[in-house]
């Protein structure tokens, strides 16, 4: 954008036109508090929102601005009513979400379609669901970015008629981005952009009578709003988890089975490790915690290694010297090791003797 200076009054229906790359979507993102301008100011209802932090901007977006996207952006595995009710969950109005979602769908001619998924709706019906979602929080401003770009002429006309009716009957401020003159004709004011600048701003000579513009909703206290949002997120998490489990019963059962097997295997491995450690500790304990055995090295003759203790490197004098020089040693004894034949009952075997 290059030096854009623009004022939109409450209750206006403004269409922004221009070729691709003219800056329409950038301007829309700034108006919707999705992007921050690199310079200049943006006053929304008298407040410079460019100076506010992200949590405050999130409150503005969720409570005072409604978005209608060109590609609908509906959740594919969620019903129409659940798509519409989604903004209410983010604003802490969970208790009234069901009734308000049905009311919004009824107002847009989708009564009886509440349980349909987006794949069961036509393009025009999906766009109406997107509009209902944008309006369910009673925003003061509706931003529509190419809402008819993927629709046929009749459906596009129906959608624009619905948006204009909301502007006329409820005093909703509407900002429409489009490149189609037929759609811009529904607006009372047409702004044309080129190369990031406004090149024309035309108003219709005679405007249809419209009710008083919708007043701006007073922002809720920050601390109360944050508490409500936190509780809403907790409820939403539980609800979304329950819905996901109910929609994917087999997958959920297999996932839980896998978790059970993994936890059981982990417990078994830990138990085996602890048992082996306890067995080793018991063996060491049986020898006595104050017993130290010193074994001489091994001898090797003609390539044959005789094993530990076969080398005659320790003598009785060594033992006497250890007892005399090491105050921690209480006594010294001598250990004779070797192989022998043992017999017990009807069993006998060759083993190591100490």
Protein backbone atom coordinates (compact mmCIF):
# COMPACT_ATOMS: atom_id res chain seq x y z
CA UNK A 1 0.00 0.00 0.00
CA UNK A 2 1.22 3.49 -0.84
CA UNK A 3 -0.25 6.43 1.04
CA UNK A 4 -3.74 4.98 1.45
CA UNK A 5 -6.05 7.39 3.33
CA UNK A 6 -9.55 6.05 3.86
CA UNK A 7 -12.51 6.62 6.17
CA UNK A 8 -15.40 4.16 6.43
CA UNK A 9 -18.42 5.27 8.45
CA UNK A 10 -20.62 2.96 10.47
CA UNK A 11 -23.37 1.35 8.42
CA UNK A 12 -21.66 1.90 5.06
CA UNK A 13 -21.48 -0.73 2.32
CA UNK A 14 -18.11 -0.27 0.63
CA UNK A 15 -16.75 -2.25 -2.31
CA UNK A 16 -13.00 -2.26 -3.01
CA UNK A 17 -12.07 -3.11 -6.60
CA UNK A 18 -8.86 -3.53 -8.50
CA UNK A 19 -6.79 -5.97 -10.51
CA UNK A 20 -4.74 -8.70 -8.89
CA UNK A 21 -1.75 -7.19 -7.09
CA UNK A 22 -3.40 -3.82 -6.56
CA UNK A 23 -3.33 -4.13 -2.77
CA UNK A 24 -6.94 -5.12 -2.06
CA UNK A 25 -6.17 -8.14 0.10
CA UNK A 26 -3.39 -6.27 1.95
CA UNK A 27 -5.82 -3.48 2.80
CA UNK A 28 -8.42 -6.04 3.89
CA UNK A 29 -5.91 -7.78 6.17
CA UNK A 30 -5.05 -4.46 7.81
CA UNK A 31 -8.73 -3.55 8.23
CA UNK A 32 -9.33 -6.95 9.83
CA UNK A 33 -6.36 -6.56 12.25
CA UNK A 34 -4.62 -9.56 10.69
CA UNK A 35 -1.62 -7.48 9.54
CA UNK A 36 0.01 -4.40 11.02
CA UNK A 37 0.94 -1.47 8.75
CA UNK A 38 4.65 -0.70 8.59
CA UNK A 39 3.81 3.00 9.01
CA UNK A 40 0.78 5.17 9.55
CA UNK A 41 -2.22 4.63 11.80
CA UNK A 42 -5.42 2.59 11.69
CA UNK A 43 -8.23 3.92 13.89
CA UNK A 44 -11.01 1.41 14.56
CA UNK A 45 -13.93 3.08 16.35
CA UNK A 46 -11.56 5.80 17.52
CA UNK A 47 -8.87 3.44 18.85
CA UNK A 48 -5.45 3.13 17.20
CA UNK A 49 -5.27 -0.66 16.95
CA UNK A 50 -1.75 -0.58 15.53
CA UNK A 51 -0.53 0.12 19.09
CA UNK A 52 -2.39 -2.82 20.69
CA UNK A 53 -0.83 -6.19 21.51
CA UNK A 54 -1.90 -9.49 19.95
CA UNK A 55 -4.35 -10.58 22.71
CA UNK A 56 -6.19 -7.27 22.39
CA UNK A 57 -6.30 -7.63 18.60
CA UNK A 58 -7.66 -11.15 19.01
CA UNK A 59 -10.50 -9.74 21.12
CA UNK A 60 -11.22 -7.16 18.42
CA UNK A 61 -11.26 -9.79 15.67
CA UNK A 62 -13.46 -12.23 17.57
CA UNK A 63 -16.02 -9.75 18.93
CA UNK A 64 -16.24 -6.82 16.50
CA UNK A 65 -15.21 -8.12 13.08
CA UNK A 66 -16.70 -10.90 10.99
CA UNK A 67 -14.76 -12.49 8.12
CA UNK A 68 -16.18 -14.10 4.97
CA UNK A 69 -13.46 -15.87 3.02
CA UNK A 70 -13.38 -16.61 -0.69
CA UNK A 71 -12.72 -20.33 -0.13
CA UNK A 72 -15.22 -20.64 2.75
CA UNK A 73 -12.63 -22.22 5.12
CA UNK A 74 -15.18 -24.58 6.66
CA UNK A 75 -14.08 -27.58 8.72
CA UNK A 76 -14.74 -30.59 6.49
CA UNK A 77 -15.60 -33.11 9.24
CA UNK A 78 -17.83 -30.69 11.16
CA UNK A 79 -21.52 -30.00 10.64
CA UNK A 80 -22.86 -26.65 9.46
CA UNK A 81 -24.11 -25.77 12.94
CA UNK A 82 -20.77 -26.64 14.52
CA UNK A 83 -18.92 -24.53 11.94
CA UNK A 84 -21.15 -21.57 12.70
CA UNK A 85 -20.83 -22.02 16.48
CA UNK A 86 -17.02 -22.13 16.40
CA UNK A 87 -16.48 -18.35 17.00
CA UNK A 88 -18.76 -18.54 20.06
CA UNK A 89 -16.42 -21.08 21.64
CA UNK A 90 -13.48 -18.70 21.29
CA UNK A 91 -15.37 -15.84 22.91
CA UNK A 92 -16.58 -17.79 25.93
CA UNK A 93 -20.24 -17.99 24.84
CA UNK A 94 -20.45 -21.76 24.76
CA UNK A 95 -23.81 -22.03 26.54
CA UNK A 96 -25.69 -20.20 23.80
CA UNK A 97 -23.72 -21.56 20.85
CA UNK A 98 -26.29 -24.14 19.70
CA UNK A 99 -29.30 -21.82 19.68
CA UNK A 100 -27.42 -18.90 18.11
CA UNK A 101 -25.95 -21.13 15.38
CA UNK A 102 -29.40 -22.45 14.45
CA UNK A 103 -30.80 -18.92 14.47
CA UNK A 104 -28.02 -17.65 12.19
CA UNK A 105 -28.52 -20.52 9.73
CA UNK A 106 -32.28 -19.98 9.75
CA UNK A 107 -31.80 -16.28 8.96
CA UNK A 108 -29.75 -17.23 5.89
CA UNK A 109 -32.26 -19.78 4.60
CA UNK A 110 -30.45 -22.92 5.77
CA UNK A 111 -33.01 -24.24 8.22
CA UNK A 112 -32.92 -28.04 8.24
CA UNK A 113 -29.28 -28.11 7.08
CA UNK A 114 -27.74 -27.78 10.53
CA UNK A 115 -26.41 -31.36 10.63
CA UNK A 116 -25.08 -31.42 7.07
CA UNK A 117 -21.33 -31.48 6.55
CA UNK A 118 -19.78 -29.07 4.00
CA UNK A 119 -19.49 -31.89 1.44
CA UNK A 120 -23.27 -32.28 1.58
CA UNK A 121 -23.88 -28.60 0.77
CA UNK A 122 -23.69 -26.72 -2.51
CA UNK A 123 -21.21 -23.89 -3.05
CA UNK A 124 -23.84 -21.26 -2.32
CA UNK A 125 -24.96 -23.05 0.83
CA UNK A 126 -21.36 -23.33 2.02
CA UNK A 127 -20.91 -19.60 1.48
CA UNK A 128 -24.08 -18.94 3.48
CA UNK A 129 -22.65 -21.07 6.29
CA UNK A 130 -19.47 -18.97 6.14
CA UNK A 131 -21.55 -15.78 6.33
CA UNK A 132 -23.54 -17.17 9.27
CA UNK A 133 -20.27 -18.00 11.03
CA UNK A 134 -19.04 -14.45 10.45
CA UNK A 135 -22.25 -12.96 11.86
CA UNK A 136 -22.91 -15.28 14.81
CA UNK A 137 -21.01 -13.01 17.24
CA UNK A 138 -22.99 -9.91 16.14
CA UNK A 139 -19.94 -8.07 14.80
CA UNK A 140 -20.06 -4.39 13.94
CA UNK A 141 -18.08 -4.93 10.72
CA UNK A 142 -18.31 -7.60 8.03
CA UNK A 143 -15.24 -8.07 5.82
CA UNK A 144 -15.89 -10.16 2.71
CA UNK A 145 -12.88 -11.08 0.55
CA UNK A 146 -14.10 -12.22 -2.89
CA UNK A 147 -17.10 -14.04 -1.38
CA UNK A 148 -18.52 -14.86 -4.82
CA UNK A 149 -15.33 -15.75 -6.67
CA UNK A 150 -16.11 -19.51 -6.78
CA UNK A 151 -19.86 -19.26 -7.36
CA UNK A 152 -22.12 -19.16 -10.39
CA UNK A 153 -23.92 -15.94 -11.28
CA UNK A 154 -27.26 -16.81 -9.67
CA UNK A 155 -25.71 -18.02 -6.43
CA UNK A 156 -23.39 -15.00 -6.35
CA UNK A 157 -26.37 -12.68 -6.75
CA UNK A 158 -28.22 -14.46 -3.94
CA UNK A 159 -25.21 -14.13 -1.65
CA UNK A 160 -24.79 -10.42 -2.40
CA UNK A 161 -28.51 -9.85 -1.89
CA UNK A 162 -28.21 -11.47 1.53
CA UNK A 163 -25.21 -9.30 2.47
CA UNK A 164 -26.97 -6.13 1.29
CA UNK A 165 -30.07 -7.07 3.30
CA UNK A 166 -27.93 -7.40 6.41
CA UNK A 167 -26.48 -3.97 5.73
CA UNK A 168 -29.89 -2.37 5.12
CA UNK A 169 -31.88 -4.10 7.84
CA UNK A 170 -29.33 -4.41 10.64
CA UNK A 171 -27.04 -1.47 9.93
CA UNK A 172 -24.04 -3.77 9.50
CA UNK A 173 -20.90 -2.12 8.15
CA UNK A 174 -19.75 -4.11 5.10
CA UNK A 175 -16.40 -3.94 3.31
CA UNK A 176 -16.37 -6.07 0.17
CA UNK A 177 -13.30 -6.92 -1.91
CA UNK A 178 -14.14 -7.91 -5.47
CA UNK A 179 -12.94 -7.55 -9.03
CA UNK A 180 -16.42 -7.97 -10.55
CA UNK A 181 -18.35 -4.76 -11.34
CA UNK A 182 -21.67 -6.62 -11.03
CA UNK A 183 -20.92 -7.47 -7.40
CA UNK A 184 -19.59 -4.00 -6.63
CA UNK A 185 -22.88 -2.56 -7.89
CA UNK A 186 -24.56 -3.82 -4.71
CA UNK A 187 -22.46 -1.40 -2.65
CA UNK A 188 -23.17 2.26 -1.94
CA UNK A 189 -19.55 3.25 -2.39
CA UNK A 190 -16.93 1.85 -4.76
CA UNK A 191 -13.20 2.33 -4.16
CA UNK A 192 -10.79 1.44 -6.96
CA UNK A 193 -7.15 0.60 -6.25
CA UNK A 194 -4.13 0.31 -8.50
CA UNK A 195 -0.53 -0.44 -7.57
CA UNK A 196 -1.21 -0.05 -3.85
CA UNK A 197 -2.94 3.32 -4.09
CA UNK A 198 -6.57 4.49 -4.24
CA UNK A 199 -7.28 5.95 -7.68
CA UNK A 200 -11.02 6.60 -7.27
CA UNK A 201 -13.65 6.74 -4.54
CA UNK A 202 -17.20 7.00 -5.88
CA UNK A 203 -20.44 7.18 -3.92
CA UNK A 204 -23.90 6.55 -5.29
CA UNK A 205 -25.99 9.66 -5.66
CA UNK A 206 -29.06 8.23 -3.90
CA UNK A 207 -28.82 5.72 -1.10
CA UNK A 208 -31.63 3.47 0.01
CA UNK A 209 -32.99 4.20 3.46
CA UNK A 210 -31.19 2.22 6.09
CA UNK A 211 -31.69 1.99 9.84
CA UNK A 212 -29.36 3.55 12.32
CA UNK A 213 -25.94 1.98 12.21
CA UNK A 214 -25.25 -0.67 14.77
CA UNK A 215 -23.46 0.85 17.76
CA UNK A 216 -20.08 -0.44 18.73
CA UNK A 217 -20.16 -3.04 21.45
CA UNK A 218 -18.40 -2.01 24.61
CA UNK A 219 -15.31 -4.17 25.11
CA UNK A 220 -15.47 -6.53 28.07
CA UNK A 221 -13.02 -6.00 30.93
CA UNK A 222 -9.69 -7.54 30.00
CA UNK A 223 -9.35 -9.82 33.01
CA UNK A 224 -12.93 -11.13 32.77
CA UNK A 225 -12.55 -11.67 29.03
CA UNK A 226 -9.32 -13.64 29.50
CA UNK A 227 -10.95 -15.81 32.18
CA UNK A 228 -13.92 -16.48 29.92
CA UNK A 229 -11.68 -17.37 27.00
CA UNK A 230 -9.63 -19.75 29.15
CA UNK A 231 -12.74 -21.55 30.38
CA UNK A 232 -14.09 -21.63 26.84
CA UNK A 233 -10.88 -23.20 25.52
CA UNK A 234 -11.04 -25.89 28.21
CA UNK A 235 -14.64 -26.70 27.30
CA UNK A 236 -13.82 -26.63 23.61
CA UNK A 237 -10.91 -29.04 24.07
CA UNK A 238 -13.08 -31.55 25.92
CA UNK A 239 -15.90 -31.21 23.40
CA UNK A 240 -13.63 -31.54 20.37
CA UNK A 241 -11.95 -34.60 21.88
CA UNK A 242 -15.33 -36.24 22.56
CA UNK A 243 -16.51 -35.51 19.02
CA UNK A 244 -13.32 -36.87 17.51
CA UNK A 245 -13.67 -40.10 19.49
CA UNK A 246 -17.34 -40.49 18.55
CA UNK A 247 -16.63 -39.93 14.84
CA UNK A 248 -13.73 -42.39 14.72
CA UNK A 249 -14.76 -45.20 17.05
CA UNK A 250 -12.60 -47.93 15.49
CA UNK A 251 -9.57 -45.68 15.16
CA UNK A 252 -10.01 -44.50 18.74
CA UNK A 253 -10.35 -48.09 20.00
CA UNK A 254 -7.20 -49.18 18.16
CA UNK A 255 -5.33 -46.12 19.43
CA UNK A 256 -6.33 -46.87 23.02
CA UNK A 257 -5.37 -50.53 22.56
CA UNK A 258 -1.97 -49.48 21.30
CA UNK A 259 -1.56 -47.17 24.28
CA UNK A 260 -2.55 -49.96 26.67
CA UNK A 261 -0.06 -52.36 25.06
CA UNK A 262 2.70 -49.76 25.11
CA UNK A 263 2.09 -48.86 28.75
CA UNK A 264 1.87 -52.53 29.76
CA UNK A 265 5.13 -53.32 27.92
CA UNK A 266 6.83 -50.36 29.57
CA UNK A 267 5.63 -51.45 33.02
CA UNK A 268 6.78 -55.03 32.35
CA UNK A 269 10.22 -53.87 31.19
CA UNK A 270 10.63 -51.62 34.22
CA UNK A 271 9.48 -54.45 36.50
CA UNK A 272 11.94 -56.90 34.92
CA UNK A 273 14.76 -54.39 35.24
CA UNK A 274 13.93 -53.65 38.85
CA UNK A 275 13.65 -57.38 39.59
CA UNK A 276 17.04 -58.08 38.02
CA UNK A 277 18.57 -55.19 39.95
CA UNK A 278 17.04 -56.51 43.17
CA UNK A 279 18.39 -60.02 42.43
CA UNK A 280 21.89 -58.72 41.84
CA UNK A 281 21.68 -56.61 45.00
CA UNK A 282 20.54 -59.69 46.94
CA UNK A 283 23.48 -61.72 45.60
CA UNK A 284 25.89 -59.00 46.62
CA UNK A 285 24.18 -58.66 49.98
CA UNK A 286 24.59 -62.38 50.58
CA UNK A 287 28.32 -61.99 50.18
CA UNK A 288 28.37 -59.23 52.74
CA UNK A 289 28.60 -55.54 52.03
CA UNK A 290 31.92 -55.33 53.84
CA UNK A 291 33.60 -58.14 51.93
CA UNK A 292 36.23 -57.38 49.30
CA UNK A 293 37.75 -60.18 47.19
CA UNK A 294 41.06 -59.63 45.40
CA UNK A 295 41.77 -62.17 42.65
CA UNK A 296 45.20 -62.51 41.01
CA UNK A 297 45.59 -62.44 37.30
CA UNK A 298 45.53 -65.30 34.81
CA UNK A 299 48.38 -67.27 33.26
CA UNK A 300 48.68 -68.06 29.60
CA UNK A 301 50.77 -70.93 28.34
CA UNK A 302 51.10 -72.14 24.76
CA UNK A 303 48.17 -69.90 23.80
CA UNK A 304 45.91 -71.34 26.50
CA UNK A 305 44.57 -68.93 29.11
CA UNK A 306 44.13 -70.62 32.49
CA UNK A 307 41.63 -68.13 33.92
CA UNK A 308 41.56 -65.64 36.76
CA UNK A 309 43.39 -66.75 39.89
CA UNK A 310 45.81 -69.06 38.09
CA UNK A 311 48.74 -66.68 38.45
CA UNK A 312 50.69 -66.90 41.71
CA UNK A 313 51.05 -63.17 42.24
CA UNK A 314 49.56 -62.85 45.75
CA UNK A 315 51.35 -64.18 48.82
CA UNK A 316 50.63 -64.51 52.53
CA UNK A 317 52.98 -61.57 53.08
CA UNK A 318 50.77 -59.43 50.88
CA UNK A 319 47.77 -60.20 53.08
CA UNK A 320 49.70 -59.39 56.26
CA UNK A 321 50.91 -56.12 54.75
CA UNK A 322 47.35 -55.10 53.77
CA UNK A 323 46.06 -55.78 57.28
CA UNK A 324 48.88 -53.75 58.79
CA UNK A 325 48.86 -50.78 56.42
CA UNK A 326 45.07 -50.34 55.82
CA UNK A 327 43.21 -49.27 59.01
CA UNK A 328 39.84 -49.98 57.32
CA UNK A 329 40.67 -53.69 56.97
CA UNK A 330 39.47 -55.70 59.96
CA UNK A 331 40.78 -59.08 58.88
CA UNK A 332 42.37 -60.95 55.99
CA UNK A 333 41.47 -64.47 54.93
CA UNK A 334 42.69 -66.65 52.10
CA UNK A 335 40.48 -68.09 49.39
CA UNK A 336 41.27 -71.24 47.43
CA UNK A 337 39.45 -71.64 44.13
CA UNK A 338 39.33 -74.57 41.75
CA UNK A 339 37.25 -77.11 39.89
CA UNK A 340 35.76 -80.12 41.59
CA UNK A 341 33.20 -82.89 41.24
CA UNK A 342 30.10 -82.46 43.39
CA UNK A 343 27.48 -85.09 44.11
CA UNK A 344 24.06 -84.69 45.70
CA UNK A 345 21.52 -87.51 45.63
CA UNK A 346 21.51 -88.98 42.14
CA UNK A 347 23.07 -85.84 40.62
CA UNK A 348 26.71 -84.91 40.23
CA UNK A 349 28.43 -82.29 38.18
CA UNK A 350 31.72 -80.46 37.74
CA UNK A 351 31.70 -76.90 38.97
CA UNK A 352 33.81 -74.19 40.54
CA UNK A 353 34.70 -74.57 44.21
CA UNK A 354 35.76 -71.82 46.59
